[in-house]
Amino acid sequence: MPKGYWVTTYRSIKDPAKVQAYAALAGPAMTKYGCRYLCRGPAAVAHEAGVKERVVVAEFPSLAAAIECHDSPDYQKALEVLADGAVRDMRLVDGLE
């Protein structure tokens, strides 16, 4: 079964305190679903329409686990805390193998 991935790019961070509070809740919520972070931090280089803001790539055992995590009450609580603290683009995708 292919793994599932969250690819999140931050277009802008309006309130770093909200992002920090979100991360404190999101990390434990995601770990419950087998999440492993592949990278998180500012982009070293940005091309095309890219922005050198925060990027997070998280790996899950499957796309179903990634979706279940996103929809879980614990992760939804983290999103409530983030609120308008950042403008993000999140994609959930299947791995190739």
N, C-alpha and C. Protein backbone atom coordinates (compact mmCIF):
# COMPACT_ATOMS: atom_id res chain seq x y z
N MET A 1 0.86 -1.18 0.00
CA MET A 1 0.00 0.00 0.00
C MET A 1 0.90 1.24 0.00
N PRO A 2 0.62 2.19 -0.89
CA PRO A 2 1.43 3.42 -0.92
C PRO A 2 1.22 4.26 0.35
N LYS A 3 2.23 4.99 0.71
CA LYS A 3 2.13 5.90 1.84
C LYS A 3 1.34 7.13 1.41
N GLY A 4 0.89 7.89 2.38
CA GLY A 4 0.20 9.14 2.12
C GLY A 4 1.05 10.30 2.62
N TYR A 5 0.92 11.44 1.97
CA TYR A 5 1.73 12.60 2.32
C TYR A 5 0.87 13.85 2.46
N TRP A 6 1.23 14.67 3.44
CA TRP A 6 0.71 16.04 3.53
C TRP A 6 1.84 16.93 3.04
N VAL A 7 1.52 17.79 2.10
CA VAL A 7 2.48 18.78 1.64
C VAL A 7 1.84 20.14 1.93
N THR A 8 2.43 20.86 2.86
CA THR A 8 1.88 22.14 3.28
C THR A 8 2.89 23.25 3.03
N THR A 9 2.46 24.25 2.30
CA THR A 9 3.31 25.42 2.09
C THR A 9 2.60 26.62 2.72
N TYR A 10 3.37 27.37 3.44
CA TYR A 10 2.85 28.58 4.08
C TYR A 10 3.09 29.74 3.12
N ARG A 11 2.04 30.40 2.70
CA ARG A 11 2.15 31.56 1.81
C ARG A 11 2.59 32.78 2.63
N SER A 12 2.07 32.88 3.85
CA SER A 12 2.48 33.95 4.76
C SER A 12 2.13 33.55 6.18
N ILE A 13 2.89 34.06 7.12
CA ILE A 13 2.62 33.85 8.54
C ILE A 13 2.27 35.21 9.13
N LYS A 14 1.02 35.33 9.57
CA LYS A 14 0.53 36.59 10.12
C LYS A 14 0.77 36.70 11.62
N ASP A 15 0.72 35.55 12.31
CA ASP A 15 0.85 35.54 13.77
C ASP A 15 1.68 34.33 14.19
N PRO A 16 2.99 34.53 14.38
CA PRO A 16 3.86 33.40 14.76
C PRO A 16 3.42 32.69 16.04
N ALA A 17 2.81 33.41 16.97
CA ALA A 17 2.35 32.77 18.22
C ALA A 17 1.24 31.76 17.93
N LYS A 18 0.35 32.08 17.00
CA LYS A 18 -0.71 31.13 16.64
C LYS A 18 -0.12 29.92 15.93
N VAL A 19 0.88 30.13 15.09
CA VAL A 19 1.53 29.01 14.40
C VAL A 19 2.20 28.10 15.43
N GLN A 20 2.84 28.69 16.41
CA GLN A 20 3.50 27.91 17.47
C GLN A 20 2.47 27.12 18.28
N ALA A 21 1.36 27.74 18.62
CA ALA A 21 0.31 27.06 19.38
C ALA A 21 -0.30 25.93 18.55
N TYR A 22 -0.50 26.17 17.26
CA TYR A 22 -0.99 25.14 16.35
C TYR A 22 -0.03 23.95 16.33
N ALA A 23 1.26 24.22 16.17
CA ALA A 23 2.26 23.15 16.08
C ALA A 23 2.28 22.31 17.36
N ALA A 24 2.10 22.95 18.50
CA ALA A 24 2.11 22.23 19.78
C ALA A 24 0.96 21.22 19.86
N LEU A 25 -0.17 21.53 19.22
CA LEU A 25 -1.32 20.61 19.20
C LEU A 25 -1.28 19.66 18.01
N ALA A 26 -0.86 20.16 16.86
CA ALA A 26 -0.89 19.35 15.63
C ALA A 26 0.10 18.19 15.69
N GLY A 27 1.31 18.43 16.20
CA GLY A 27 2.32 17.38 16.24
C GLY A 27 1.84 16.12 16.96
N PRO A 28 1.38 16.23 18.20
CA PRO A 28 0.87 15.05 18.90
C PRO A 28 -0.35 14.42 18.21
N ALA A 29 -1.22 15.26 17.65
CA ALA A 29 -2.40 14.72 16.95
C ALA A 29 -1.98 13.89 15.75
N MET A 30 -0.98 14.37 15.03
CA MET A 30 -0.52 13.67 13.83
C MET A 30 0.26 12.40 14.17
N THR A 31 1.00 12.42 15.25
CA THR A 31 1.77 11.25 15.67
C THR A 31 0.86 10.05 15.93
N LYS A 32 -0.34 10.31 16.43
CA LYS A 32 -1.31 9.23 16.69
C LYS A 32 -1.64 8.44 15.42
N TYR A 33 -1.46 9.06 14.26
CA TYR A 33 -1.81 8.42 12.99
C TYR A 33 -0.57 7.95 12.23
N GLY A 34 0.55 7.87 12.92
CA GLY A 34 1.77 7.33 12.30
C GLY A 34 2.55 8.34 11.49
N CYS A 35 2.35 9.62 11.73
CA CYS A 35 3.03 10.67 10.98
C CYS A 35 4.53 10.67 11.26
N ARG A 36 5.28 10.90 10.19
CA ARG A 36 6.72 11.12 10.29
C ARG A 36 7.04 12.32 9.43
N TYR A 37 7.67 13.33 10.01
CA TYR A 37 8.00 14.54 9.26
C TYR A 37 9.23 14.28 8.40
N LEU A 38 9.13 14.60 7.12
CA LEU A 38 10.27 14.48 6.21
C LEU A 38 11.03 15.79 6.12
N CYS A 39 10.32 16.90 6.23
CA CYS A 39 10.97 18.20 6.31
C CYS A 39 9.97 19.20 6.88
N ARG A 40 10.51 20.22 7.53
CA ARG A 40 9.70 21.34 8.00
C ARG A 40 10.64 22.49 8.31
N GLY A 41 10.31 23.61 7.74
CA GLY A 41 11.13 24.80 7.91
C GLY A 41 11.02 25.68 6.68
N PRO A 42 11.76 26.76 6.64
CA PRO A 42 11.70 27.65 5.47
C PRO A 42 12.35 26.99 4.27
N ALA A 43 11.86 27.33 3.09
CA ALA A 43 12.44 26.81 1.85
C ALA A 43 13.84 27.37 1.69
N ALA A 44 14.78 26.53 1.27
CA ALA A 44 16.14 26.99 1.01
C ALA A 44 16.18 27.81 -0.27
N VAL A 45 15.39 27.38 -1.26
CA VAL A 45 15.32 28.05 -2.56
C VAL A 45 13.86 27.98 -3.01
N ALA A 46 13.37 29.04 -3.63
CA ALA A 46 12.00 29.04 -4.17
C ALA A 46 12.05 29.39 -5.65
N HIS A 47 11.39 28.58 -6.48
CA HIS A 47 11.32 28.82 -7.91
C HIS A 47 9.87 29.02 -8.34
N GLU A 48 9.69 29.50 -9.54
CA GLU A 48 8.37 29.72 -10.14
C GLU A 48 7.54 30.60 -9.21
N ALA A 49 6.38 30.13 -8.77
CA ALA A 49 5.53 30.96 -7.91
C ALA A 49 5.80 30.69 -6.43
N GLY A 50 6.90 30.01 -6.12
CA GLY A 50 7.22 29.64 -4.75
C GLY A 50 7.56 30.83 -3.87
N VAL A 51 7.36 30.64 -2.59
CA VAL A 51 7.65 31.64 -1.57
C VAL A 51 8.59 30.98 -0.57
N LYS A 52 9.60 31.70 -0.12
CA LYS A 52 10.57 31.12 0.82
C LYS A 52 10.03 31.16 2.26
N GLU A 53 8.82 30.71 2.43
CA GLU A 53 8.20 30.64 3.75
C GLU A 53 8.26 29.19 4.21
N ARG A 54 7.64 28.86 5.28
CA ARG A 54 7.66 27.52 5.87
C ARG A 54 7.05 26.47 4.94
N VAL A 55 7.68 25.29 4.90
CA VAL A 55 7.19 24.13 4.14
C VAL A 55 7.22 22.93 5.08
N VAL A 56 6.17 22.13 5.04
CA VAL A 56 6.12 20.92 5.85
C VAL A 56 5.70 19.76 4.94
N VAL A 57 6.49 18.68 4.97
CA VAL A 57 6.12 17.44 4.28
C VAL A 57 6.05 16.36 5.35
N ALA A 58 4.87 15.78 5.49
CA ALA A 58 4.64 14.75 6.50
C ALA A 58 4.21 13.46 5.81
N GLU A 59 4.79 12.36 6.26
CA GLU A 59 4.50 11.04 5.69
C GLU A 59 3.62 10.26 6.65
N PHE A 60 2.61 9.59 6.09
CA PHE A 60 1.71 8.73 6.86
C PHE A 60 1.75 7.32 6.28
N PRO A 61 1.34 6.32 7.05
CA PRO A 61 1.36 4.94 6.54
C PRO A 61 0.51 4.75 5.28
N SER A 62 -0.51 5.59 5.11
CA SER A 62 -1.40 5.50 3.94
C SER A 62 -2.11 6.84 3.76
N LEU A 63 -2.69 7.02 2.59
CA LEU A 63 -3.50 8.23 2.37
C LEU A 63 -4.72 8.22 3.28
N ALA A 64 -5.29 7.04 3.50
CA ALA A 64 -6.45 6.94 4.40
C ALA A 64 -6.09 7.43 5.81
N ALA A 65 -4.89 7.08 6.30
CA ALA A 65 -4.46 7.54 7.62
C ALA A 65 -4.27 9.05 7.63
N ALA A 66 -3.75 9.60 6.55
CA ALA A 66 -3.55 11.05 6.45
C ALA A 66 -4.89 11.78 6.49
N ILE A 67 -5.86 11.27 5.76
CA ILE A 67 -7.20 11.89 5.73
C ILE A 67 -7.87 11.76 7.09
N GLU A 68 -7.78 10.57 7.69
CA GLU A 68 -8.37 10.35 9.01
C GLU A 68 -7.77 11.30 10.03
N CYS A 69 -6.46 11.49 9.96
CA CYS A 69 -5.78 12.42 10.87
C CYS A 69 -6.30 13.84 10.67
N HIS A 70 -6.36 14.28 9.41
CA HIS A 70 -6.83 15.64 9.12
C HIS A 70 -8.22 15.88 9.68
N ASP A 71 -9.07 14.88 9.55
CA ASP A 71 -10.47 15.02 9.96
C ASP A 71 -10.70 14.74 11.45
N SER A 72 -9.65 14.34 12.17
CA SER A 72 -9.80 13.96 13.58
C SER A 72 -10.10 15.19 14.45
N PRO A 73 -10.79 14.97 15.56
CA PRO A 73 -11.09 16.08 16.48
C PRO A 73 -9.82 16.78 16.99
N ASP A 74 -8.77 16.01 17.28
CA ASP A 74 -7.54 16.62 17.79
C ASP A 74 -6.91 17.55 16.77
N TYR A 75 -6.86 17.13 15.51
CA TYR A 75 -6.26 18.00 14.49
C TYR A 75 -7.16 19.20 14.20
N GLN A 76 -8.45 18.99 14.20
CA GLN A 76 -9.37 20.11 13.97
C GLN A 76 -9.24 21.16 15.06
N LYS A 77 -8.96 20.71 16.30
CA LYS A 77 -8.72 21.66 17.39
C LYS A 77 -7.46 22.49 17.10
N ALA A 78 -6.41 21.83 16.57
CA ALA A 78 -5.19 22.55 16.21
C ALA A 78 -5.49 23.60 15.14
N LEU A 79 -6.32 23.26 14.16
CA LEU A 79 -6.69 24.22 13.12
C LEU A 79 -7.45 25.41 13.69
N GLU A 80 -8.30 25.15 14.67
CA GLU A 80 -9.04 26.25 15.32
C GLU A 80 -8.07 27.22 15.99
N VAL A 81 -7.03 26.69 16.61
CA VAL A 81 -6.03 27.52 17.28
C VAL A 81 -5.24 28.33 16.25
N LEU A 82 -4.93 27.71 15.12
CA LEU A 82 -4.20 28.42 14.06
C LEU A 82 -5.05 29.56 13.50
N ALA A 83 -6.31 29.28 13.26
CA ALA A 83 -7.27 30.27 12.75
C ALA A 83 -6.67 31.10 11.61
N ASP A 84 -6.57 32.40 11.80
CA ASP A 84 -6.05 33.29 10.76
C ASP A 84 -4.57 33.61 10.95
N GLY A 85 -3.88 32.76 11.69
CA GLY A 85 -2.46 33.02 11.97
C GLY A 85 -1.53 32.81 10.80
N ALA A 86 -2.02 32.10 9.76
CA ALA A 86 -1.18 31.85 8.58
C ALA A 86 -2.08 31.58 7.38
N VAL A 87 -1.54 31.88 6.20
CA VAL A 87 -2.19 31.51 4.94
C VAL A 87 -1.40 30.33 4.40
N ARG A 88 -2.08 29.19 4.23
CA ARG A 88 -1.39 27.97 3.84
C ARG A 88 -2.06 27.33 2.64
N ASP A 89 -1.31 26.45 1.99
CA ASP A 89 -1.81 25.61 0.92
C ASP A 89 -1.44 24.19 1.31
N MET A 90 -2.45 23.34 1.53
CA MET A 90 -2.20 21.96 1.96
C MET A 90 -2.73 20.99 0.93
N ARG A 91 -1.91 20.00 0.60
CA ARG A 91 -2.31 18.93 -0.32
C ARG A 91 -2.08 17.60 0.37
N LEU A 92 -3.03 16.67 0.24
CA LEU A 92 -2.86 15.30 0.70
C LEU A 92 -2.74 14.45 -0.55
N VAL A 93 -1.64 13.70 -0.67
CA VAL A 93 -1.37 12.95 -1.89
C VAL A 93 -0.91 11.54 -1.58
N ASP A 94 -1.18 10.63 -2.53
CA ASP A 94 -0.69 9.26 -2.47
C ASP A 94 0.79 9.21 -2.82
N GLY A 95 1.51 8.33 -2.14
CA GLY A 95 2.89 8.07 -2.53
C GLY A 95 2.90 7.19 -3.77
N LEU A 96 4.07 7.04 -4.37
CA LEU A 96 4.19 6.25 -5.59
C LEU A 96 4.28 4.75 -5.32
N GLU A 97 4.81 4.39 -4.17
CA GLU A 97 4.93 2.94 -3.85
C GLU A 97 4.38 2.65 -2.49
